[in-house]
């Protein structure tokens, strides 16, 4: 287990899992960012890029994010009004859905999604798997919560939804 090395007080306290999420400002900020996505009404300049490996592919070593971009991966790109109605489920995220972890030692990139705005830059970044099959959401590593897979399902076609369901059943 790793220690929290932030300026949060007792540096010797073991914080490998964040239990009291209601008082964690990082979790609250993350929830605010995610629920804010559901409030977007103007989709001009907004894009979604998604990359993933087929869930049945097995690799002899961990794959990096660059490996995911280079293939053999699948991808989807949406922009503007193609995104309309697909962000609504982000409004359902609460602090109870997010349990931070501090175990980032390596990434096993299997899936990556980014929502970007020409005006505001990255709005949402989702990578799984971090260390221990955790999710990394906007730079924060969290325990897997398959509510996130449900939230991103509207972005996929039939084949993509099938793959995402397979990821959910593998854990």
N, C-alpha and C. Protein backbone atom coordinates (compact mmCIF):
# COMPACT_ATOMS: atom_id res chain seq x y z
N UNK A 1 0.84 -1.17 0.00
CA UNK A 1 0.00 0.00 0.00
C UNK A 1 0.88 1.24 0.00
N UNK A 2 0.49 2.24 -0.74
CA UNK A 2 1.27 3.46 -0.80
C UNK A 2 0.66 4.51 0.12
N UNK A 3 1.47 5.45 0.48
CA UNK A 3 1.04 6.54 1.35
C UNK A 3 0.61 7.72 0.50
N UNK A 4 -0.28 8.52 1.07
CA UNK A 4 -0.67 9.77 0.44
C UNK A 4 0.42 10.79 0.73
N UNK A 5 0.98 11.40 -0.28
CA UNK A 5 2.05 12.35 -0.10
C UNK A 5 1.59 13.78 -0.37
N UNK A 6 0.31 14.04 -0.23
CA UNK A 6 -0.20 15.39 -0.42
C UNK A 6 -0.04 16.18 0.87
N UNK A 7 -0.49 17.40 0.85
CA UNK A 7 -0.43 18.25 2.03
C UNK A 7 -1.68 18.12 2.88
N UNK A 8 -2.16 16.92 3.09
CA UNK A 8 -3.42 16.73 3.79
C UNK A 8 -3.27 16.47 5.28
N UNK A 9 -2.11 16.72 5.83
CA UNK A 9 -1.97 16.51 7.28
C UNK A 9 -0.95 15.45 7.58
N UNK A 10 -1.34 14.41 8.30
CA UNK A 10 -0.46 13.34 8.73
C UNK A 10 0.04 12.54 7.54
N UNK A 11 1.30 12.68 7.21
CA UNK A 11 1.84 12.00 6.03
C UNK A 11 2.07 10.52 6.26
N UNK A 12 1.97 10.06 7.49
CA UNK A 12 2.16 8.65 7.77
C UNK A 12 0.86 7.88 7.76
N UNK A 13 -0.24 8.57 7.60
CA UNK A 13 -1.54 7.91 7.60
C UNK A 13 -1.72 7.11 6.32
N UNK A 14 -2.16 5.86 6.43
CA UNK A 14 -2.37 5.01 5.26
C UNK A 14 -3.67 5.39 4.58
N UNK A 15 -3.57 5.87 3.35
CA UNK A 15 -4.75 6.32 2.61
C UNK A 15 -4.84 5.60 1.28
N UNK A 16 -4.63 4.31 1.25
CA UNK A 16 -4.65 3.60 -0.02
C UNK A 16 -6.05 3.55 -0.62
N UNK A 17 -7.07 3.64 0.20
CA UNK A 17 -8.45 3.74 -0.29
C UNK A 17 -9.10 4.89 0.45
N UNK A 18 -9.77 5.75 -0.29
CA UNK A 18 -10.45 6.89 0.31
C UNK A 18 -11.86 6.48 0.68
N UNK A 19 -12.15 6.36 1.99
CA UNK A 19 -13.48 5.94 2.43
C UNK A 19 -14.44 7.10 2.61
N UNK A 20 -13.98 8.23 3.10
CA UNK A 20 -14.87 9.34 3.38
C UNK A 20 -14.89 10.29 2.19
N UNK A 21 -15.56 9.89 1.12
CA UNK A 21 -15.55 10.66 -0.11
C UNK A 21 -16.32 11.96 0.00
N UNK A 22 -17.29 12.07 0.91
CA UNK A 22 -18.08 13.28 1.03
C UNK A 22 -17.23 14.48 1.42
N UNK A 23 -16.08 14.25 2.06
CA UNK A 23 -15.26 15.35 2.52
C UNK A 23 -13.96 15.47 1.74
N UNK A 24 -13.81 14.72 0.70
CA UNK A 24 -12.59 14.75 -0.10
C UNK A 24 -12.78 15.79 -1.22
N UNK A 25 -12.02 16.89 -1.19
CA UNK A 25 -12.20 17.93 -2.22
C UNK A 25 -11.86 17.44 -3.63
N UNK A 26 -10.96 16.48 -3.75
CA UNK A 26 -10.62 15.95 -5.08
C UNK A 26 -11.81 15.20 -5.66
N UNK A 27 -12.47 14.39 -4.83
CA UNK A 27 -13.65 13.65 -5.28
C UNK A 27 -14.78 14.62 -5.61
N UNK A 28 -14.98 15.63 -4.77
CA UNK A 28 -16.06 16.59 -5.04
C UNK A 28 -15.81 17.34 -6.34
N UNK A 29 -14.55 17.73 -6.58
CA UNK A 29 -14.20 18.41 -7.83
C UNK A 29 -14.47 17.50 -9.02
N UNK A 30 -14.11 16.22 -8.89
CA UNK A 30 -14.34 15.26 -9.96
C UNK A 30 -15.84 15.10 -10.24
N UNK A 31 -16.64 15.00 -9.19
CA UNK A 31 -18.10 14.90 -9.36
C UNK A 31 -18.64 16.15 -10.04
N UNK A 32 -18.16 17.31 -9.64
CA UNK A 32 -18.62 18.56 -10.26
C UNK A 32 -18.27 18.59 -11.75
N UNK A 33 -17.06 18.14 -12.09
CA UNK A 33 -16.65 18.10 -13.50
C UNK A 33 -17.54 17.14 -14.30
N UNK A 34 -17.81 15.96 -13.72
CA UNK A 34 -18.58 14.95 -14.44
C UNK A 34 -20.04 15.34 -14.59
N UNK A 35 -20.64 15.82 -13.52
CA UNK A 35 -22.06 16.22 -13.62
C UNK A 35 -22.20 17.45 -14.50
N UNK A 36 -21.16 18.26 -14.58
CA UNK A 36 -21.18 19.42 -15.47
C UNK A 36 -21.30 19.03 -16.94
N UNK A 37 -20.83 17.84 -17.30
CA UNK A 37 -20.95 17.38 -18.69
C UNK A 37 -22.41 17.26 -19.10
N UNK A 38 -23.27 16.85 -18.17
CA UNK A 38 -24.69 16.68 -18.48
C UNK A 38 -25.38 18.02 -18.72
N UNK A 39 -24.75 19.10 -18.32
CA UNK A 39 -25.35 20.44 -18.48
C UNK A 39 -24.99 21.09 -19.80
N UNK A 40 -24.12 20.48 -20.57
CA UNK A 40 -23.72 21.04 -21.86
C UNK A 40 -24.91 21.01 -22.81
N UNK A 41 -25.21 22.16 -23.38
CA UNK A 41 -26.33 22.27 -24.34
C UNK A 41 -25.87 22.65 -25.74
N UNK A 42 -24.72 23.30 -25.84
CA UNK A 42 -24.17 23.70 -27.13
C UNK A 42 -23.00 22.77 -27.44
N UNK A 43 -23.13 21.95 -28.47
CA UNK A 43 -22.14 20.92 -28.77
C UNK A 43 -21.15 21.33 -29.86
N UNK A 44 -21.26 22.56 -30.33
CA UNK A 44 -20.31 23.02 -31.33
C UNK A 44 -18.92 23.09 -30.70
N UNK A 45 -17.94 22.49 -31.35
CA UNK A 45 -16.58 22.47 -30.85
C UNK A 45 -16.31 21.38 -29.83
N UNK A 46 -17.30 20.50 -29.58
CA UNK A 46 -17.13 19.39 -28.63
C UNK A 46 -16.88 18.12 -29.45
N UNK A 47 -15.92 17.31 -29.01
CA UNK A 47 -15.65 16.04 -29.69
C UNK A 47 -15.42 14.93 -28.66
N UNK A 48 -15.68 13.71 -29.10
CA UNK A 48 -15.45 12.51 -28.28
C UNK A 48 -14.60 11.56 -29.10
N UNK A 49 -13.50 11.11 -28.52
CA UNK A 49 -12.65 10.10 -29.15
C UNK A 49 -12.56 8.91 -28.20
N UNK A 50 -12.76 7.71 -28.73
CA UNK A 50 -12.74 6.49 -27.93
C UNK A 50 -11.87 5.46 -28.63
N UNK A 51 -11.00 4.83 -27.86
CA UNK A 51 -10.13 3.78 -28.38
C UNK A 51 -10.19 2.60 -27.43
N UNK A 52 -10.26 1.37 -27.97
CA UNK A 52 -10.25 0.20 -27.09
C UNK A 52 -9.75 -1.03 -27.84
N UNK A 53 -9.20 -1.94 -27.05
CA UNK A 53 -8.81 -3.23 -27.58
C UNK A 53 -10.00 -4.17 -27.46
N UNK A 54 -10.10 -5.09 -28.38
CA UNK A 54 -11.10 -6.14 -28.26
C UNK A 54 -10.90 -6.83 -26.92
N UNK A 55 -11.96 -7.02 -26.13
CA UNK A 55 -11.78 -7.59 -24.80
C UNK A 55 -11.22 -9.01 -24.80
N UNK A 56 -11.28 -9.70 -25.92
CA UNK A 56 -10.75 -11.06 -25.97
C UNK A 56 -9.26 -11.12 -26.32
N UNK A 57 -8.69 -9.98 -26.72
CA UNK A 57 -7.25 -9.94 -27.02
C UNK A 57 -6.46 -10.08 -25.73
N UNK A 58 -5.45 -10.91 -25.76
CA UNK A 58 -4.56 -11.09 -24.61
C UNK A 58 -3.16 -10.69 -25.04
N UNK A 59 -2.46 -10.04 -24.12
CA UNK A 59 -1.12 -9.56 -24.41
C UNK A 59 -0.15 -10.14 -23.39
N UNK A 60 1.08 -10.32 -23.80
CA UNK A 60 2.10 -10.88 -22.92
C UNK A 60 2.63 -9.86 -21.92
N UNK A 61 2.38 -8.58 -22.17
CA UNK A 61 2.86 -7.53 -21.28
C UNK A 61 1.83 -6.39 -21.29
N UNK A 62 1.88 -5.52 -20.27
CA UNK A 62 0.93 -4.40 -20.22
C UNK A 62 1.05 -3.51 -21.45
N UNK A 63 -0.08 -3.02 -21.90
CA UNK A 63 -0.11 -2.13 -23.06
C UNK A 63 -0.20 -0.68 -22.57
N UNK A 64 0.53 0.19 -23.24
CA UNK A 64 0.51 1.61 -22.90
C UNK A 64 -0.62 2.31 -23.66
N UNK A 65 -0.85 3.54 -23.30
CA UNK A 65 -1.85 4.33 -24.01
C UNK A 65 -1.44 4.50 -25.47
N UNK A 66 -0.15 4.68 -25.73
CA UNK A 66 0.32 4.79 -27.12
C UNK A 66 0.04 3.51 -27.90
N UNK A 67 0.20 2.34 -27.26
CA UNK A 67 -0.13 1.08 -27.92
C UNK A 67 -1.59 1.06 -28.34
N UNK A 68 -2.43 1.61 -27.49
CA UNK A 68 -3.87 1.65 -27.77
C UNK A 68 -4.15 2.51 -29.00
N UNK A 69 -3.46 3.63 -29.12
CA UNK A 69 -3.65 4.52 -30.26
C UNK A 69 -3.13 3.90 -31.55
N UNK A 70 -2.07 3.10 -31.45
CA UNK A 70 -1.43 2.54 -32.63
C UNK A 70 -2.10 1.25 -33.12
N UNK A 71 -2.86 0.59 -32.29
CA UNK A 71 -3.57 -0.60 -32.71
C UNK A 71 -2.91 -1.88 -32.24
N UNK A 72 -3.52 -3.02 -32.43
CA UNK A 72 -4.80 -3.18 -33.13
C UNK A 72 -5.95 -2.79 -32.21
N UNK A 73 -6.48 -1.62 -32.41
CA UNK A 73 -7.56 -1.18 -31.55
C UNK A 73 -8.76 -0.78 -32.40
N UNK A 74 -9.85 -0.58 -31.71
CA UNK A 74 -11.07 -0.10 -32.34
C UNK A 74 -11.23 1.35 -31.91
N UNK A 75 -11.97 2.13 -32.69
CA UNK A 75 -12.13 3.54 -32.31
C UNK A 75 -13.46 4.09 -32.81
N UNK A 76 -13.86 5.14 -32.12
CA UNK A 76 -15.06 5.90 -32.49
C UNK A 76 -14.71 7.37 -32.32
N UNK A 77 -15.19 8.19 -33.24
CA UNK A 77 -15.02 9.64 -33.12
C UNK A 77 -16.38 10.28 -33.37
N UNK A 78 -16.80 11.12 -32.44
CA UNK A 78 -18.06 11.86 -32.58
C UNK A 78 -17.76 13.34 -32.38
N UNK A 79 -18.57 14.19 -33.01
CA UNK A 79 -18.40 15.62 -32.80
C UNK A 79 -19.73 16.34 -32.94
N UNK A 80 -19.78 17.52 -32.36
CA UNK A 80 -20.95 18.38 -32.47
C UNK A 80 -22.24 17.70 -32.05
N UNK A 81 -23.26 17.83 -32.87
CA UNK A 81 -24.59 17.31 -32.54
C UNK A 81 -24.66 15.79 -32.46
N UNK A 82 -23.64 15.08 -32.94
CA UNK A 82 -23.61 13.62 -32.76
C UNK A 82 -23.54 13.25 -31.28
N UNK A 83 -23.13 14.18 -30.45
CA UNK A 83 -22.97 13.94 -29.01
C UNK A 83 -24.26 14.25 -28.25
N UNK A 84 -25.14 15.01 -28.86
CA UNK A 84 -26.37 15.46 -28.21
C UNK A 84 -27.14 14.28 -27.62
N UNK A 85 -27.53 14.40 -26.34
CA UNK A 85 -28.28 13.37 -25.63
C UNK A 85 -27.43 12.26 -25.04
N UNK A 86 -26.15 12.23 -25.35
CA UNK A 86 -25.28 11.15 -24.88
C UNK A 86 -24.57 11.48 -23.56
N UNK A 87 -24.64 12.73 -23.12
CA UNK A 87 -23.97 13.14 -21.89
C UNK A 87 -24.91 13.15 -20.67
N UNK A 88 -26.18 12.92 -20.89
CA UNK A 88 -27.18 13.05 -19.83
C UNK A 88 -26.90 12.17 -18.61
N UNK A 89 -26.42 10.95 -18.81
CA UNK A 89 -26.22 10.03 -17.70
C UNK A 89 -25.10 10.47 -16.74
N UNK A 90 -24.25 11.39 -17.18
CA UNK A 90 -23.22 11.90 -16.28
C UNK A 90 -23.82 12.60 -15.07
N UNK A 91 -25.06 13.05 -15.18
CA UNK A 91 -25.71 13.73 -14.05
C UNK A 91 -25.95 12.78 -12.88
N UNK A 92 -25.85 11.48 -13.09
CA UNK A 92 -26.11 10.50 -12.04
C UNK A 92 -24.92 10.20 -11.14
N UNK A 93 -23.74 10.72 -11.47
CA UNK A 93 -22.55 10.46 -10.66
C UNK A 93 -22.64 11.23 -9.34
N UNK A 94 -22.34 10.54 -8.26
CA UNK A 94 -22.29 11.16 -6.93
C UNK A 94 -20.96 10.82 -6.27
N UNK A 95 -20.68 11.45 -5.14
CA UNK A 95 -19.44 11.16 -4.42
C UNK A 95 -19.38 9.71 -3.97
N UNK A 96 -20.52 9.08 -3.77
CA UNK A 96 -20.55 7.67 -3.34
C UNK A 96 -20.07 6.73 -4.45
N UNK A 97 -20.06 7.20 -5.68
CA UNK A 97 -19.63 6.38 -6.82
C UNK A 97 -18.11 6.39 -7.00
N UNK A 98 -17.42 7.23 -6.26
CA UNK A 98 -15.99 7.42 -6.48
C UNK A 98 -15.22 7.12 -5.21
N UNK A 99 -14.38 6.09 -5.29
CA UNK A 99 -13.47 5.73 -4.18
C UNK A 99 -12.05 5.81 -4.72
N UNK A 100 -11.36 6.84 -4.28
CA UNK A 100 -9.99 7.04 -4.76
C UNK A 100 -9.06 5.96 -4.25
N UNK A 101 -8.04 5.67 -5.05
CA UNK A 101 -6.98 4.75 -4.66
C UNK A 101 -5.64 5.36 -5.07
N UNK A 102 -4.59 4.96 -4.35
CA UNK A 102 -3.24 5.47 -4.62
C UNK A 102 -2.32 4.29 -4.89
N UNK A 103 -2.53 3.62 -5.98
CA UNK A 103 -1.70 2.47 -6.29
C UNK A 103 -1.09 2.56 -7.68
N UNK A 104 -1.04 3.74 -8.25
CA UNK A 104 -0.59 3.89 -9.62
C UNK A 104 0.88 3.53 -9.76
N UNK A 105 1.11 2.35 -10.29
CA UNK A 105 2.47 1.93 -10.60
C UNK A 105 2.63 1.67 -12.09
N UNK A 106 1.54 1.26 -12.72
CA UNK A 106 1.59 1.00 -14.16
C UNK A 106 0.18 1.09 -14.72
N UNK A 107 0.12 1.19 -16.01
CA UNK A 107 -1.15 1.25 -16.70
C UNK A 107 -1.26 0.05 -17.63
N UNK A 108 -2.41 -0.60 -17.60
CA UNK A 108 -2.74 -1.65 -18.56
C UNK A 108 -3.83 -1.06 -19.44
N UNK A 109 -3.44 -0.31 -20.43
CA UNK A 109 -4.42 0.40 -21.25
C UNK A 109 -5.24 -0.58 -22.08
N UNK A 110 -6.53 -0.61 -21.82
CA UNK A 110 -7.46 -1.43 -22.60
C UNK A 110 -8.52 -0.55 -23.25
N UNK A 111 -8.79 0.61 -22.64
CA UNK A 111 -9.85 1.47 -23.10
C UNK A 111 -9.52 2.91 -22.72
N UNK A 112 -9.75 3.83 -23.66
CA UNK A 112 -9.51 5.25 -23.39
C UNK A 112 -10.58 6.07 -24.09
N UNK A 113 -11.11 7.03 -23.35
CA UNK A 113 -12.12 7.93 -23.90
C UNK A 113 -11.79 9.34 -23.46
N UNK A 114 -11.91 10.29 -24.38
CA UNK A 114 -11.69 11.68 -24.04
C UNK A 114 -12.79 12.53 -24.69
N UNK A 115 -13.32 13.45 -23.91
CA UNK A 115 -14.28 14.44 -24.41
C UNK A 115 -13.54 15.78 -24.34
N UNK A 116 -13.49 16.46 -25.48
CA UNK A 116 -12.74 17.70 -25.56
C UNK A 116 -13.59 18.83 -26.10
N UNK A 117 -13.24 20.02 -25.69
CA UNK A 117 -13.87 21.24 -26.17
C UNK A 117 -12.79 22.10 -26.81
N UNK A 118 -13.09 22.64 -27.99
CA UNK A 118 -12.12 23.54 -28.62
C UNK A 118 -11.82 24.72 -27.70
N UNK A 119 -12.83 25.16 -26.96
CA UNK A 119 -12.70 26.33 -26.09
C UNK A 119 -12.04 26.01 -24.75
N UNK A 120 -12.44 24.89 -24.10
CA UNK A 120 -12.02 24.60 -22.73
C UNK A 120 -11.04 23.43 -22.60
N UNK A 121 -10.64 22.81 -23.69
CA UNK A 121 -9.71 21.69 -23.62
C UNK A 121 -10.39 20.39 -23.18
N UNK A 122 -9.65 19.55 -22.47
CA UNK A 122 -10.19 18.26 -22.02
C UNK A 122 -11.24 18.45 -20.94
N UNK A 123 -12.40 17.85 -21.17
CA UNK A 123 -13.49 17.92 -20.21
C UNK A 123 -13.63 16.61 -19.44
N UNK A 124 -13.27 15.51 -20.11
CA UNK A 124 -13.42 14.18 -19.51
C UNK A 124 -12.37 13.28 -20.12
N UNK A 125 -11.68 12.55 -19.24
CA UNK A 125 -10.68 11.58 -19.69
C UNK A 125 -10.87 10.32 -18.84
N UNK A 126 -11.06 9.21 -19.52
CA UNK A 126 -11.37 7.95 -18.83
C UNK A 126 -10.48 6.86 -19.41
N UNK A 127 -9.70 6.23 -18.53
CA UNK A 127 -8.80 5.16 -18.94
C UNK A 127 -9.00 3.97 -18.02
N UNK A 128 -9.18 2.83 -18.62
CA UNK A 128 -9.03 1.63 -17.80
C UNK A 128 -8.20 0.67 -18.61
N UNK A 129 -7.35 0.12 -17.91
CA UNK A 129 -7.17 -0.09 -16.49
C UNK A 129 -5.93 0.60 -16.03
N UNK A 130 -6.03 1.18 -14.83
CA UNK A 130 -4.85 1.61 -14.11
C UNK A 130 -4.33 0.39 -13.38
N UNK A 131 -3.49 0.61 -12.43
CA UNK A 131 -2.95 -0.49 -11.65
C UNK A 131 -4.09 -1.21 -10.91
N UNK A 132 -4.07 -2.51 -10.88
CA UNK A 132 -5.09 -3.27 -10.17
C UNK A 132 -6.46 -3.20 -10.80
N UNK A 133 -6.53 -2.98 -12.10
CA UNK A 133 -7.78 -2.89 -12.85
C UNK A 133 -8.64 -1.70 -12.42
N UNK A 134 -8.02 -0.70 -11.84
CA UNK A 134 -8.73 0.51 -11.45
C UNK A 134 -9.03 1.35 -12.69
N UNK A 135 -9.92 2.32 -12.52
CA UNK A 135 -10.23 3.29 -13.55
C UNK A 135 -9.44 4.57 -13.25
N UNK A 136 -9.10 5.30 -14.28
CA UNK A 136 -8.48 6.61 -14.11
C UNK A 136 -9.41 7.60 -14.79
N UNK A 137 -9.99 8.49 -13.99
CA UNK A 137 -10.97 9.45 -14.47
C UNK A 137 -10.42 10.85 -14.21
N UNK A 138 -10.22 11.61 -15.27
CA UNK A 138 -9.67 12.97 -15.17
C UNK A 138 -8.42 13.00 -14.29
N UNK A 139 -7.56 11.99 -14.45
CA UNK A 139 -6.30 11.94 -13.74
C UNK A 139 -6.36 11.35 -12.35
N UNK A 140 -7.54 11.01 -11.87
CA UNK A 140 -7.70 10.44 -10.53
C UNK A 140 -7.99 8.95 -10.65
N UNK A 141 -7.18 8.14 -9.99
CA UNK A 141 -7.39 6.70 -10.03
C UNK A 141 -8.46 6.32 -9.00
N UNK A 142 -9.46 5.57 -9.46
CA UNK A 142 -10.56 5.18 -8.59
C UNK A 142 -10.82 3.68 -8.70
N UNK A 143 -11.47 3.13 -7.68
CA UNK A 143 -11.90 1.74 -7.73
C UNK A 143 -12.89 1.58 -8.88
N UNK A 144 -12.87 0.43 -9.54
CA UNK A 144 -13.83 0.22 -10.63
C UNK A 144 -15.26 0.39 -10.14
N UNK A 145 -16.02 1.12 -10.90
CA UNK A 145 -17.45 1.28 -10.66
C UNK A 145 -18.09 1.18 -12.04
N UNK A 146 -18.81 0.13 -12.26
CA UNK A 146 -19.32 -0.13 -13.59
C UNK A 146 -20.46 0.78 -13.98
N UNK A 147 -20.82 1.69 -13.09
CA UNK A 147 -21.75 2.76 -13.45
C UNK A 147 -21.12 3.61 -14.56
N UNK A 148 -19.79 3.73 -14.54
CA UNK A 148 -19.11 4.48 -15.59
C UNK A 148 -19.28 3.81 -16.95
N UNK A 149 -19.26 2.49 -16.98
CA UNK A 149 -19.48 1.79 -18.25
C UNK A 149 -20.91 2.03 -18.75
N UNK A 150 -21.87 2.05 -17.83
CA UNK A 150 -23.25 2.35 -18.22
C UNK A 150 -23.37 3.76 -18.79
N UNK A 151 -22.66 4.70 -18.18
CA UNK A 151 -22.74 6.10 -18.60
C UNK A 151 -22.17 6.31 -20.00
N UNK A 152 -21.15 5.55 -20.36
CA UNK A 152 -20.53 5.75 -21.68
C UNK A 152 -21.18 4.90 -22.78
N UNK A 153 -22.05 3.98 -22.42
CA UNK A 153 -22.69 3.12 -23.43
C UNK A 153 -23.37 3.88 -24.57
N UNK A 154 -24.03 5.01 -24.32
CA UNK A 154 -24.69 5.70 -25.44
C UNK A 154 -23.76 6.15 -26.57
N UNK A 155 -22.47 6.19 -26.32
CA UNK A 155 -21.53 6.63 -27.34
C UNK A 155 -21.20 5.54 -28.36
N UNK A 156 -21.59 4.30 -28.08
CA UNK A 156 -21.18 3.17 -28.90
C UNK A 156 -22.25 2.69 -29.85
N UNK A 157 -21.79 2.08 -30.95
CA UNK A 157 -22.67 1.33 -31.84
C UNK A 157 -22.84 -0.07 -31.24
N UNK A 158 -23.52 -0.95 -31.95
CA UNK A 158 -23.80 -2.28 -31.42
C UNK A 158 -22.53 -3.04 -31.04
N UNK A 159 -21.54 -3.05 -31.95
CA UNK A 159 -20.30 -3.78 -31.67
C UNK A 159 -19.55 -3.21 -30.48
N UNK A 160 -19.51 -1.91 -30.37
CA UNK A 160 -18.85 -1.28 -29.24
C UNK A 160 -19.55 -1.60 -27.93
N UNK A 161 -20.89 -1.59 -27.92
CA UNK A 161 -21.63 -1.94 -26.70
C UNK A 161 -21.37 -3.40 -26.32
N UNK A 162 -21.28 -4.27 -27.32
CA UNK A 162 -20.98 -5.67 -27.05
C UNK A 162 -19.62 -5.80 -26.36
N UNK A 163 -18.62 -5.10 -26.88
CA UNK A 163 -17.28 -5.14 -26.28
C UNK A 163 -17.30 -4.59 -24.86
N UNK A 164 -18.00 -3.49 -24.63
CA UNK A 164 -18.04 -2.90 -23.30
C UNK A 164 -18.75 -3.83 -22.31
N UNK A 165 -19.80 -4.50 -22.75
CA UNK A 165 -20.47 -5.49 -21.88
C UNK A 165 -19.49 -6.62 -21.55
N UNK A 166 -18.69 -7.01 -22.52
CA UNK A 166 -17.69 -8.05 -22.27
C UNK A 166 -16.68 -7.59 -21.23
N UNK A 167 -16.26 -6.35 -21.31
CA UNK A 167 -15.34 -5.82 -20.29
C UNK A 167 -15.99 -5.88 -18.92
N UNK A 168 -17.24 -5.52 -18.83
CA UNK A 168 -17.95 -5.56 -17.55
C UNK A 168 -18.07 -6.97 -16.99
N UNK A 169 -18.22 -7.97 -17.86
CA UNK A 169 -18.38 -9.34 -17.38
C UNK A 169 -17.05 -10.02 -17.07
N UNK A 170 -15.95 -9.43 -17.49
CA UNK A 170 -14.63 -10.03 -17.25
C UNK A 170 -14.14 -9.79 -15.83
N UNK A 171 -14.83 -8.94 -15.08
CA UNK A 171 -14.31 -8.55 -13.76
C UNK A 171 -15.15 -9.11 -12.65
